[in-house]
């Protein structure tokens, strides 16, 4: 998963005009340094988690460099929670939220992205058995015959983004 630092040679060597413009515009938003973690999403799209600050700091630069794995996990976990909570969904679909718990929606969302139970366990910091428990509950709560059926029903009912 490639990360995008907001300072240094990576920012100066942006490949596209759009990317260079993003880095050129950053100071007008008081972004001096930071990191953006690209998060693969559905249908070849990406989400992004950005840590940015308004002051250059060698300590922060070193922290980012030393903590890339942790920051990637933080971005993935944050994205999973936002997706499962339905943030950005219309109020019309909010009443369906009681069918599944947040964790059940998270697990179904990751399954719909092609993740394995082991992958999901690592992303959410739980055991694979815990993931299976949540997926089984989601399947039962949706009255689905199979896990793919549960994913399809959850999408149709607006429970997954």
N, C-alpha and C. Protein backbone atom coordinates (compact mmCIF):
# COMPACT_ATOMS: atom_id res chain seq x y z
N UNK A 1 0.86 -1.17 0.00
CA UNK A 1 0.00 0.00 0.00
C UNK A 1 0.90 1.23 0.00
N UNK A 2 0.93 1.98 -1.05
CA UNK A 2 1.82 3.14 -1.09
C UNK A 2 1.30 4.27 -0.21
N UNK A 3 2.24 4.91 0.49
CA UNK A 3 1.91 6.07 1.31
C UNK A 3 2.46 7.31 0.63
N UNK A 4 1.85 8.44 0.91
CA UNK A 4 2.27 9.68 0.28
C UNK A 4 2.73 10.66 1.35
N UNK A 5 4.04 10.87 1.49
CA UNK A 5 4.51 11.89 2.43
C UNK A 5 4.23 13.29 1.86
N UNK A 6 3.98 14.24 2.75
CA UNK A 6 3.65 15.61 2.33
C UNK A 6 4.87 16.51 2.30
N UNK A 7 6.02 15.95 2.52
CA UNK A 7 7.24 16.77 2.49
C UNK A 7 8.37 15.91 1.92
N UNK A 8 9.42 16.54 1.50
CA UNK A 8 10.57 15.80 1.01
C UNK A 8 10.52 15.56 -0.48
N UNK A 9 11.44 14.73 -0.94
CA UNK A 9 11.58 14.53 -2.39
C UNK A 9 10.39 13.84 -3.02
N UNK A 10 9.66 12.99 -2.24
CA UNK A 10 8.49 12.33 -2.82
C UNK A 10 7.45 13.35 -3.26
N UNK A 11 7.25 14.38 -2.45
CA UNK A 11 6.28 15.42 -2.79
C UNK A 11 6.76 16.22 -4.01
N UNK A 12 8.05 16.47 -4.07
CA UNK A 12 8.58 17.24 -5.20
C UNK A 12 8.60 16.44 -6.50
N UNK A 13 8.58 15.11 -6.39
CA UNK A 13 8.64 14.30 -7.60
C UNK A 13 7.28 13.71 -7.96
N UNK A 14 6.22 14.44 -7.66
CA UNK A 14 4.88 13.98 -8.00
C UNK A 14 4.79 13.69 -9.49
N UNK A 15 4.11 12.62 -9.84
CA UNK A 15 4.09 12.16 -11.22
C UNK A 15 3.12 12.91 -12.12
N UNK A 16 1.99 13.32 -11.60
CA UNK A 16 1.00 13.98 -12.45
C UNK A 16 0.85 15.45 -12.06
N UNK A 17 0.32 16.22 -12.99
CA UNK A 17 0.09 17.64 -12.73
C UNK A 17 -0.90 17.81 -11.57
N UNK A 18 -1.90 16.94 -11.52
CA UNK A 18 -2.89 17.01 -10.45
C UNK A 18 -2.24 16.77 -9.08
N UNK A 19 -1.35 15.77 -9.04
CA UNK A 19 -0.66 15.47 -7.79
C UNK A 19 0.29 16.61 -7.40
N UNK A 20 1.01 17.17 -8.37
CA UNK A 20 1.91 18.30 -8.07
C UNK A 20 1.10 19.49 -7.55
N UNK A 21 -0.07 19.74 -8.16
CA UNK A 21 -0.92 20.85 -7.73
C UNK A 21 -1.39 20.64 -6.29
N UNK A 22 -1.69 19.38 -5.93
CA UNK A 22 -2.11 19.07 -4.56
C UNK A 22 -1.01 19.46 -3.57
N UNK A 23 0.23 19.11 -3.90
CA UNK A 23 1.34 19.46 -3.01
C UNK A 23 1.60 20.97 -3.02
N UNK A 24 1.45 21.60 -4.18
CA UNK A 24 1.65 23.05 -4.27
C UNK A 24 0.57 23.80 -3.47
N UNK A 25 -0.65 23.27 -3.45
CA UNK A 25 -1.75 23.92 -2.73
C UNK A 25 -1.72 23.67 -1.22
N UNK A 26 -1.01 22.64 -0.79
CA UNK A 26 -1.01 22.26 0.62
C UNK A 26 -0.67 23.43 1.55
N UNK A 27 0.36 24.24 1.27
CA UNK A 27 0.67 25.34 2.20
C UNK A 27 -0.47 26.35 2.36
N UNK A 28 -1.30 26.52 1.33
CA UNK A 28 -2.42 27.46 1.48
C UNK A 28 -3.44 26.94 2.49
N UNK A 29 -3.42 25.61 2.77
CA UNK A 29 -4.27 25.03 3.79
C UNK A 29 -3.49 24.80 5.08
N UNK A 30 -2.32 25.41 5.15
CA UNK A 30 -1.42 25.32 6.29
C UNK A 30 -0.92 23.90 6.55
N UNK A 31 -0.80 23.11 5.48
CA UNK A 31 -0.22 21.78 5.59
C UNK A 31 1.25 21.89 5.23
N UNK A 32 2.10 21.66 6.20
CA UNK A 32 3.54 21.75 5.98
C UNK A 32 4.18 20.37 5.84
N UNK A 33 3.68 19.41 6.62
CA UNK A 33 4.23 18.06 6.58
C UNK A 33 3.16 17.09 7.04
N UNK A 34 3.35 15.83 6.74
CA UNK A 34 2.40 14.81 7.14
C UNK A 34 2.48 13.60 6.24
N UNK A 35 1.43 12.81 6.27
CA UNK A 35 1.40 11.57 5.52
C UNK A 35 -0.04 11.26 5.15
N UNK A 36 -0.25 10.78 3.94
CA UNK A 36 -1.55 10.27 3.52
C UNK A 36 -1.41 8.79 3.25
N UNK A 37 -2.27 8.00 3.89
CA UNK A 37 -2.31 6.56 3.69
C UNK A 37 -3.43 6.28 2.69
N UNK A 38 -3.08 5.67 1.57
CA UNK A 38 -4.10 5.29 0.58
C UNK A 38 -4.73 3.98 1.01
N UNK A 39 -6.06 3.94 0.99
CA UNK A 39 -6.79 2.77 1.44
C UNK A 39 -7.62 2.24 0.29
N UNK A 40 -7.32 1.02 -0.18
CA UNK A 40 -8.12 0.47 -1.27
C UNK A 40 -9.57 0.31 -0.84
N UNK A 41 -10.46 0.68 -1.70
CA UNK A 41 -11.89 0.60 -1.40
C UNK A 41 -12.54 -0.22 -2.50
N UNK A 42 -13.82 -0.09 -2.64
CA UNK A 42 -14.56 -0.88 -3.62
C UNK A 42 -14.35 -0.37 -5.04
N UNK A 43 -14.48 -1.30 -5.98
CA UNK A 43 -14.52 -0.97 -7.40
C UNK A 43 -13.34 -0.11 -7.85
N UNK A 44 -12.14 -0.52 -7.47
CA UNK A 44 -10.90 0.17 -7.85
C UNK A 44 -10.87 1.63 -7.43
N UNK A 45 -11.53 1.97 -6.36
CA UNK A 45 -11.48 3.33 -5.81
C UNK A 45 -10.60 3.31 -4.57
N UNK A 46 -10.23 4.50 -4.11
CA UNK A 46 -9.40 4.61 -2.91
C UNK A 46 -10.01 5.60 -1.94
N UNK A 47 -9.82 5.31 -0.67
CA UNK A 47 -10.10 6.27 0.38
C UNK A 47 -8.73 6.75 0.85
N UNK A 48 -8.70 7.78 1.66
CA UNK A 48 -7.42 8.28 2.16
C UNK A 48 -7.56 8.68 3.62
N UNK A 49 -6.52 8.40 4.37
CA UNK A 49 -6.41 8.84 5.75
C UNK A 49 -5.17 9.71 5.82
N UNK A 50 -5.34 10.96 6.22
CA UNK A 50 -4.23 11.91 6.22
C UNK A 50 -3.93 12.41 7.62
N UNK A 51 -2.66 12.41 7.95
CA UNK A 51 -2.13 13.04 9.16
C UNK A 51 -1.31 14.21 8.66
N UNK A 52 -1.74 15.43 8.97
CA UNK A 52 -1.03 16.61 8.47
C UNK A 52 -0.93 17.65 9.58
N UNK A 53 0.19 18.38 9.57
CA UNK A 53 0.39 19.43 10.56
C UNK A 53 0.87 20.70 9.87
N UNK A 54 0.74 21.81 10.59
CA UNK A 54 1.06 23.11 9.99
C UNK A 54 2.49 23.57 10.24
N UNK A 55 3.30 22.72 10.87
CA UNK A 55 4.67 23.11 11.17
C UNK A 55 5.62 21.97 10.86
N UNK A 56 6.72 22.28 10.22
CA UNK A 56 7.74 21.25 9.97
C UNK A 56 8.38 20.86 11.29
N UNK A 57 8.61 19.59 11.45
CA UNK A 57 9.24 19.10 12.68
C UNK A 57 10.04 17.85 12.34
N UNK A 58 11.31 17.89 12.63
CA UNK A 58 12.15 16.73 12.38
C UNK A 58 11.66 15.55 13.22
N UNK A 59 11.19 15.82 14.43
CA UNK A 59 10.67 14.75 15.29
C UNK A 59 9.46 14.08 14.68
N UNK A 60 8.55 14.87 14.12
CA UNK A 60 7.36 14.31 13.48
C UNK A 60 7.75 13.51 12.24
N UNK A 61 8.67 14.07 11.45
CA UNK A 61 9.13 13.35 10.25
C UNK A 61 9.72 11.99 10.63
N UNK A 62 10.49 11.96 11.70
CA UNK A 62 11.08 10.69 12.16
C UNK A 62 10.00 9.74 12.67
N UNK A 63 9.02 10.31 13.40
CA UNK A 63 7.92 9.49 13.91
C UNK A 63 7.16 8.84 12.75
N UNK A 64 6.84 9.62 11.74
CA UNK A 64 6.11 9.10 10.57
C UNK A 64 6.91 8.00 9.91
N UNK A 65 8.20 8.25 9.72
CA UNK A 65 9.06 7.26 9.07
C UNK A 65 9.13 5.97 9.88
N UNK A 66 9.23 6.09 11.20
CA UNK A 66 9.36 4.91 12.06
C UNK A 66 8.03 4.21 12.31
N UNK A 67 6.92 4.88 12.05
CA UNK A 67 5.61 4.35 12.43
C UNK A 67 4.70 4.07 11.23
N UNK A 68 5.26 3.90 10.05
CA UNK A 68 4.44 3.71 8.85
C UNK A 68 3.45 2.56 9.00
N UNK A 69 3.90 1.42 9.52
CA UNK A 69 3.00 0.27 9.67
C UNK A 69 1.83 0.60 10.59
N UNK A 70 2.13 1.24 11.72
CA UNK A 70 1.08 1.59 12.67
C UNK A 70 0.11 2.61 12.06
N UNK A 71 0.63 3.59 11.34
CA UNK A 71 -0.22 4.60 10.72
C UNK A 71 -1.09 4.00 9.62
N UNK A 72 -0.56 3.05 8.87
CA UNK A 72 -1.38 2.34 7.88
C UNK A 72 -2.51 1.61 8.56
N UNK A 73 -2.21 0.90 9.65
CA UNK A 73 -3.25 0.16 10.39
C UNK A 73 -4.28 1.13 10.96
N UNK A 74 -3.84 2.26 11.47
CA UNK A 74 -4.75 3.27 11.98
C UNK A 74 -5.69 3.76 10.88
N UNK A 75 -5.15 4.03 9.71
CA UNK A 75 -5.97 4.47 8.59
C UNK A 75 -6.97 3.42 8.16
N UNK A 76 -6.55 2.16 8.07
CA UNK A 76 -7.45 1.07 7.69
C UNK A 76 -8.55 0.88 8.72
N UNK A 77 -8.18 0.92 9.99
CA UNK A 77 -9.17 0.74 11.06
C UNK A 77 -10.17 1.88 11.06
N UNK A 78 -9.69 3.11 10.93
CA UNK A 78 -10.58 4.27 10.88
C UNK A 78 -11.55 4.14 9.71
N UNK A 79 -11.04 3.78 8.54
CA UNK A 79 -11.89 3.62 7.36
C UNK A 79 -12.94 2.53 7.59
N UNK A 80 -12.53 1.43 8.21
CA UNK A 80 -13.48 0.34 8.48
C UNK A 80 -14.59 0.81 9.41
N UNK A 81 -14.24 1.58 10.44
CA UNK A 81 -15.25 2.07 11.37
C UNK A 81 -16.20 3.06 10.69
N UNK A 82 -15.66 3.97 9.91
CA UNK A 82 -16.50 4.95 9.21
C UNK A 82 -17.42 4.24 8.23
N UNK A 83 -16.88 3.27 7.49
CA UNK A 83 -17.70 2.53 6.53
C UNK A 83 -18.81 1.77 7.24
N UNK A 84 -18.45 1.08 8.31
CA UNK A 84 -19.44 0.27 9.02
C UNK A 84 -20.49 1.13 9.71
N UNK A 85 -20.10 2.30 10.18
CA UNK A 85 -21.04 3.18 10.85
C UNK A 85 -21.98 3.86 9.87
N UNK A 86 -21.65 3.79 8.59
CA UNK A 86 -22.53 4.37 7.58
C UNK A 86 -22.43 5.88 7.51
N UNK A 87 -21.32 6.44 7.95
CA UNK A 87 -21.16 7.89 7.88
C UNK A 87 -21.19 8.31 6.43
N UNK A 88 -22.02 9.27 6.13
CA UNK A 88 -22.17 9.73 4.75
C UNK A 88 -23.38 9.11 4.07
N UNK A 89 -23.99 8.11 4.71
CA UNK A 89 -25.20 7.51 4.16
C UNK A 89 -26.40 8.40 4.44
N UNK A 90 -27.41 8.26 3.67
CA UNK A 90 -28.60 9.08 3.85
C UNK A 90 -29.35 8.65 5.10
N UNK A 91 -30.10 9.57 5.69
CA UNK A 91 -30.88 9.29 6.88
C UNK A 91 -31.93 8.21 6.58
N UNK A 92 -32.38 8.13 5.36
CA UNK A 92 -33.38 7.16 4.96
C UNK A 92 -32.93 5.74 5.29
N UNK A 93 -31.64 5.46 5.19
CA UNK A 93 -31.14 4.11 5.47
C UNK A 93 -30.76 3.90 6.92
N UNK A 94 -30.78 4.94 7.73
CA UNK A 94 -30.31 4.85 9.11
C UNK A 94 -31.14 3.88 9.94
N UNK A 95 -32.45 3.75 9.65
CA UNK A 95 -33.28 2.87 10.47
C UNK A 95 -32.92 1.40 10.29
N UNK A 96 -32.21 1.05 9.22
CA UNK A 96 -31.80 -0.32 9.02
C UNK A 96 -30.62 -0.69 9.91
N UNK A 97 -29.95 0.29 10.48
CA UNK A 97 -28.75 0.05 11.26
C UNK A 97 -28.94 -0.91 12.42
N UNK A 98 -30.17 -1.06 12.93
CA UNK A 98 -30.40 -1.92 14.08
C UNK A 98 -30.34 -3.40 13.71
N UNK A 99 -30.38 -3.75 12.41
CA UNK A 99 -30.30 -5.15 12.00
C UNK A 99 -28.96 -5.77 12.33
N UNK A 100 -27.89 -4.99 12.21
CA UNK A 100 -26.54 -5.49 12.40
C UNK A 100 -25.78 -4.60 13.36
N UNK A 101 -24.87 -5.20 14.10
CA UNK A 101 -23.98 -4.39 14.95
C UNK A 101 -22.92 -3.75 14.06
N UNK A 102 -22.23 -2.79 14.61
CA UNK A 102 -21.16 -2.13 13.86
C UNK A 102 -20.10 -3.15 13.44
N UNK A 103 -19.73 -4.05 14.33
CA UNK A 103 -18.70 -5.03 14.03
C UNK A 103 -19.16 -5.99 12.93
N UNK A 104 -20.45 -6.37 12.95
CA UNK A 104 -20.98 -7.23 11.89
C UNK A 104 -20.92 -6.52 10.54
N UNK A 105 -21.25 -5.23 10.52
CA UNK A 105 -21.17 -4.45 9.28
C UNK A 105 -19.72 -4.31 8.81
N UNK A 106 -18.81 -4.11 9.75
CA UNK A 106 -17.40 -4.01 9.39
C UNK A 106 -16.93 -5.30 8.72
N UNK A 107 -17.23 -6.42 9.33
CA UNK A 107 -16.79 -7.71 8.79
C UNK A 107 -17.41 -7.97 7.42
N UNK A 108 -18.71 -7.69 7.25
CA UNK A 108 -19.34 -7.86 5.94
C UNK A 108 -18.72 -6.94 4.90
N UNK A 109 -18.42 -5.69 5.30
CA UNK A 109 -17.82 -4.74 4.36
C UNK A 109 -16.46 -5.24 3.89
N UNK A 110 -15.65 -5.78 4.81
CA UNK A 110 -14.34 -6.29 4.41
C UNK A 110 -14.48 -7.54 3.54
N UNK A 111 -15.45 -8.41 3.86
CA UNK A 111 -15.70 -9.60 3.03
C UNK A 111 -16.08 -9.15 1.62
N UNK A 112 -16.91 -8.11 1.53
CA UNK A 112 -17.35 -7.64 0.21
C UNK A 112 -16.18 -7.07 -0.60
N UNK A 113 -15.10 -6.69 0.09
CA UNK A 113 -13.90 -6.20 -0.58
C UNK A 113 -12.92 -7.32 -0.91
N UNK A 114 -13.32 -8.58 -0.62
CA UNK A 114 -12.48 -9.71 -0.97
C UNK A 114 -11.48 -10.12 0.10
N UNK A 115 -11.61 -9.56 1.30
CA UNK A 115 -10.68 -9.93 2.38
C UNK A 115 -11.06 -11.30 2.94
N UNK A 116 -10.06 -12.03 3.42
CA UNK A 116 -10.29 -13.31 4.09
C UNK A 116 -10.58 -13.05 5.56
N UNK A 117 -11.05 -14.08 6.25
CA UNK A 117 -11.30 -13.92 7.69
C UNK A 117 -10.00 -13.59 8.43
N UNK A 118 -8.90 -14.19 7.99
CA UNK A 118 -7.59 -13.90 8.61
C UNK A 118 -7.23 -12.42 8.37
N UNK A 119 -7.43 -11.93 7.15
CA UNK A 119 -7.15 -10.52 6.83
C UNK A 119 -7.97 -9.60 7.75
N UNK A 120 -9.26 -9.91 7.86
CA UNK A 120 -10.16 -9.07 8.66
C UNK A 120 -9.74 -9.10 10.12
N UNK A 121 -9.38 -10.28 10.61
CA UNK A 121 -8.93 -10.40 12.00
C UNK A 121 -7.74 -9.48 12.26
N UNK A 122 -6.79 -9.47 11.34
CA UNK A 122 -5.61 -8.62 11.50
C UNK A 122 -5.99 -7.14 11.41
N UNK A 123 -6.88 -6.79 10.48
CA UNK A 123 -7.28 -5.39 10.33
C UNK A 123 -8.01 -4.86 11.56
N UNK A 124 -8.85 -5.72 12.16
CA UNK A 124 -9.67 -5.27 13.28
C UNK A 124 -9.07 -5.60 14.64
N UNK A 125 -7.97 -6.35 14.65
CA UNK A 125 -7.33 -6.69 15.92
C UNK A 125 -8.14 -7.68 16.73
N UNK A 126 -8.80 -8.62 16.05
CA UNK A 126 -9.56 -9.67 16.74
C UNK A 126 -9.08 -11.02 16.19
N UNK A 127 -9.59 -12.10 16.75
CA UNK A 127 -9.20 -13.43 16.27
C UNK A 127 -10.04 -13.81 15.04
N UNK A 128 -9.52 -14.70 14.20
CA UNK A 128 -10.32 -15.18 13.08
C UNK A 128 -11.64 -15.82 13.55
N UNK A 129 -11.59 -16.46 14.69
CA UNK A 129 -12.82 -17.04 15.25
C UNK A 129 -13.84 -15.95 15.61
N UNK A 130 -13.34 -14.80 16.10
CA UNK A 130 -14.23 -13.68 16.39
C UNK A 130 -14.87 -13.13 15.13
N UNK A 131 -14.09 -13.07 14.05
CA UNK A 131 -14.62 -12.61 12.76
C UNK A 131 -15.72 -13.55 12.30
N UNK A 132 -15.46 -14.87 12.39
CA UNK A 132 -16.46 -15.86 11.99
C UNK A 132 -17.73 -15.70 12.82
N UNK A 133 -17.58 -15.46 14.10
CA UNK A 133 -18.74 -15.25 14.99
C UNK A 133 -19.58 -14.08 14.49
N UNK A 134 -18.94 -12.95 14.18
CA UNK A 134 -19.68 -11.76 13.72
C UNK A 134 -20.33 -11.99 12.35
N UNK A 135 -19.61 -12.68 11.48
CA UNK A 135 -20.18 -12.97 10.15
C UNK A 135 -21.36 -13.93 10.25
N UNK A 136 -21.25 -14.93 11.13
CA UNK A 136 -22.37 -15.86 11.33
C UNK A 136 -23.59 -15.12 11.89
N UNK A 137 -23.36 -14.22 12.84
CA UNK A 137 -24.46 -13.43 13.39
C UNK A 137 -25.10 -12.56 12.33
N UNK A 138 -24.28 -11.93 11.51
CA UNK A 138 -24.81 -11.07 10.44
C UNK A 138 -25.65 -11.89 9.48
N UNK A 139 -25.15 -13.06 9.12
CA UNK A 139 -25.89 -13.94 8.20
C UNK A 139 -27.25 -14.31 8.80
N UNK A 140 -27.26 -14.69 10.08
CA UNK A 140 -28.51 -15.04 10.77
C UNK A 140 -29.45 -13.84 10.86
N UNK A 141 -28.92 -12.67 11.25
CA UNK A 141 -29.75 -11.48 11.42
C UNK A 141 -30.38 -11.03 10.11
N UNK A 142 -29.71 -11.30 9.01
CA UNK A 142 -30.23 -10.92 7.70
C UNK A 142 -31.06 -12.04 7.07
N UNK A 143 -31.15 -13.18 7.76
CA UNK A 143 -31.86 -14.36 7.25
C UNK A 143 -31.28 -14.79 5.90
N UNK A 144 -29.97 -14.71 5.80
CA UNK A 144 -29.29 -15.09 4.57
C UNK A 144 -28.92 -16.56 4.61
N UNK A 145 -28.91 -17.19 3.44
CA UNK A 145 -28.57 -18.60 3.35
C UNK A 145 -27.06 -18.83 3.37
N UNK A 146 -26.31 -17.89 2.79
CA UNK A 146 -24.86 -18.01 2.70
C UNK A 146 -24.24 -16.65 3.00
N UNK A 147 -22.94 -16.63 3.16
CA UNK A 147 -22.24 -15.37 3.39
C UNK A 147 -22.36 -14.42 2.19
N UNK A 148 -22.16 -14.90 0.95
CA UNK A 148 -22.36 -14.00 -0.19
C UNK A 148 -23.79 -13.45 -0.24
N UNK A 149 -24.76 -14.28 0.14
CA UNK A 149 -26.15 -13.82 0.20
C UNK A 149 -26.29 -12.71 1.25
N UNK A 150 -25.61 -12.87 2.38
CA UNK A 150 -25.66 -11.84 3.44
C UNK A 150 -25.08 -10.52 2.94
N UNK A 151 -23.97 -10.60 2.22
CA UNK A 151 -23.36 -9.38 1.67
C UNK A 151 -24.33 -8.71 0.71
N UNK A 152 -24.95 -9.50 -0.17
CA UNK A 152 -25.89 -8.94 -1.15
C UNK A 152 -27.09 -8.30 -0.45
N UNK A 153 -27.63 -8.98 0.55
CA UNK A 153 -28.77 -8.42 1.29
C UNK A 153 -28.39 -7.13 2.03
N UNK A 154 -27.20 -7.12 2.63
CA UNK A 154 -26.75 -5.93 3.34
C UNK A 154 -26.60 -4.75 2.39
N UNK A 155 -26.07 -4.99 1.19
CA UNK A 155 -25.97 -3.91 0.19
C UNK A 155 -27.37 -3.43 -0.22
N UNK A 156 -28.25 -4.36 -0.53
CA UNK A 156 -29.61 -3.99 -0.95
C UNK A 156 -30.35 -3.19 0.10
N UNK A 157 -30.10 -3.50 1.36
CA UNK A 157 -30.80 -2.81 2.45
C UNK A 157 -30.09 -1.54 2.89
N UNK A 158 -28.99 -1.19 2.22
CA UNK A 158 -28.28 0.03 2.56
C UNK A 158 -27.45 -0.05 3.82
N UNK A 159 -27.12 -1.29 4.24
CA UNK A 159 -26.34 -1.46 5.45
C UNK A 159 -24.84 -1.36 5.21
N UNK A 160 -24.44 -1.46 3.95
CA UNK A 160 -23.03 -1.33 3.58
C UNK A 160 -22.91 -0.18 2.57
N UNK A 161 -21.81 0.56 2.67
CA UNK A 161 -21.65 1.70 1.74
C UNK A 161 -21.35 1.24 0.33
